[in-house]
Amino acid sequence: MGDKTPIKMLHDRILVEVDRESGERRSSGGIVIPATAAMGARRLSWSTVVAIGPHARAVEIGDKVLFDPEDKSEVEVAGETYLLMRERDIHAVAAHRVGDQATGLYL
């Protein structure tokens, strides 16, 4: 087997980078909130899309996507950790190309 084997995503699967700093958060006042702090509601996460299957319609590689990190499949590729999910598991897409349909919210 070669040094690097190409990977093709299937169907509507999306592969996103795991944010290394997603554990800690910083409040608007500058206070660091550790990952172990209890939250009243589930916290959604933003990540960057690195690969998409041929049937993914609303996202493109490089888009930032909002999703619930619970119950997602984690995979390691070439020493990097990624999350694998279906397109329907994504709640929002942040990209310059969606500016025509914007809601008035910006990252």
Protein backbone atom coordinates (compact mmCIF):
# COMPACT_ATOMS: atom_id res chain seq x y z
CA MET A 1 0.00 0.00 0.00
CA GLY A 2 1.25 3.49 -0.83
CA ASP A 3 2.31 6.23 1.52
CA LYS A 4 -1.01 8.08 1.21
CA THR A 5 -4.24 6.50 0.03
CA PRO A 6 -6.91 8.83 -1.42
CA ILE A 7 -10.28 8.92 0.33
CA LYS A 8 -13.61 9.51 -1.42
CA MET A 9 -16.59 10.59 0.69
CA LEU A 10 -19.84 8.80 -0.20
CA HIS A 11 -23.46 9.95 -0.43
CA ASP A 12 -24.21 13.05 1.69
CA ARG A 13 -21.38 12.53 4.18
CA ILE A 14 -19.41 15.52 5.47
CA LEU A 15 -15.94 15.40 7.06
CA VAL A 16 -15.04 18.33 9.35
CA GLU A 17 -11.91 19.31 11.24
CA VAL A 18 -12.01 18.97 15.00
CA ASP A 19 -11.29 22.37 16.53
CA ARG A 20 -8.37 21.89 18.91
CA GLU A 21 -9.49 24.82 21.06
CA SER A 22 -13.16 23.82 21.25
CA GLY A 23 -12.71 22.67 24.85
CA GLU A 24 -12.18 26.07 26.40
CA ARG A 25 -14.31 29.12 25.71
CA ARG A 26 -13.83 32.75 26.60
CA SER A 27 -16.69 34.92 27.85
CA SER A 28 -17.27 38.42 26.47
CA GLY A 29 -15.61 39.73 29.66
CA GLY A 30 -12.47 37.67 28.98
CA ILE A 31 -13.07 34.93 31.54
CA VAL A 32 -11.87 31.47 30.41
CA ILE A 33 -14.61 28.82 30.73
CA PRO A 34 -13.16 25.28 30.87
CA ALA A 35 -14.61 22.44 28.81
CA THR A 36 -15.67 20.68 32.00
CA ALA A 37 -18.00 23.53 33.06
CA ALA A 38 -21.64 22.42 33.20
CA MET A 39 -23.99 24.08 30.72
CA GLY A 40 -27.77 24.29 31.00
CA ALA A 41 -28.27 23.36 27.35
CA ARG A 42 -26.30 21.39 24.80
CA ARG A 43 -23.63 23.47 23.12
CA LEU A 44 -23.35 23.43 19.33
CA SER A 45 -19.96 23.66 17.61
CA TRP A 46 -18.51 25.33 14.53
CA SER A 47 -16.03 23.42 12.36
CA THR A 48 -14.54 23.67 8.88
CA VAL A 49 -15.57 21.24 6.13
CA VAL A 50 -12.59 19.37 4.64
CA ALA A 51 -14.39 16.81 2.43
CA ILE A 52 -17.91 16.20 1.09
CA GLY A 53 -19.72 13.38 -0.64
CA PRO A 54 -21.24 13.77 -4.12
CA HIS A 55 -24.80 14.22 -2.81
CA ALA A 56 -24.03 17.04 -0.35
CA ARG A 57 -25.88 20.07 -1.76
CA ALA A 58 -25.74 22.89 0.80
CA VAL A 59 -22.08 22.81 1.83
CA GLU A 60 -18.73 23.16 0.11
CA ILE A 61 -15.18 22.45 1.21
CA GLY A 62 -13.93 25.32 3.36
CA ASP A 63 -17.38 26.29 4.71
CA LYS A 64 -17.86 26.73 8.46
CA VAL A 65 -20.75 24.56 9.69
CA LEU A 66 -22.74 24.54 12.93
CA PHE A 67 -23.64 21.14 14.36
CA ASP A 68 -24.24 19.20 17.56
CA PRO A 69 -20.98 17.36 18.36
CA GLU A 70 -22.79 14.71 20.41
CA ASP A 71 -23.27 11.34 18.69
CA LYS A 72 -20.94 12.15 15.78
CA SER A 73 -18.40 9.64 14.52
CA GLU A 74 -14.79 10.54 15.16
CA VAL A 75 -12.11 9.30 12.76
CA GLU A 76 -8.34 9.68 12.58
CA VAL A 77 -6.74 10.21 9.17
CA ALA A 78 -2.97 10.63 8.84
CA GLY A 79 -2.67 11.51 12.54
CA GLU A 80 -5.41 14.19 12.43
CA THR A 81 -8.81 13.82 14.11
CA TYR A 82 -12.00 14.58 12.14
CA LEU A 83 -15.75 14.21 12.65
CA LEU A 84 -17.93 12.42 10.12
CA MET A 85 -21.61 13.34 9.79
CA ARG A 86 -24.50 13.49 7.36
CA GLU A 87 -25.45 16.77 5.71
CA ARG A 88 -28.83 16.72 7.48
CA ASP A 89 -27.02 16.93 10.84
CA ILE A 90 -25.76 20.44 10.02
CA HIS A 91 -27.79 23.32 11.47
CA ALA A 92 -26.17 26.27 9.63
CA VAL A 93 -23.52 27.12 7.04
CA ALA A 94 -21.27 30.20 7.24
CA ALA A 95 -19.58 31.16 3.96
CA HIS A 96 -19.20 34.29 1.84
CA ARG A 97 -21.19 32.69 -0.98
CA VAL A 98 -24.37 32.55 1.16
CA GLY A 99 -24.36 36.36 1.50
CA ASP A 100 -27.29 36.70 -0.94
CA GLN A 101 -29.48 34.67 1.44
CA ALA A 102 -28.04 36.11 4.68
CA THR A 103 -30.07 36.43 7.87
CA GLY A 104 -28.19 39.46 9.17
CA LEU A 105 -25.86 37.38 11.35
CA TYR A 106 -22.13 37.38 10.66
CA LEU A 107 -19.10 35.56 12.09
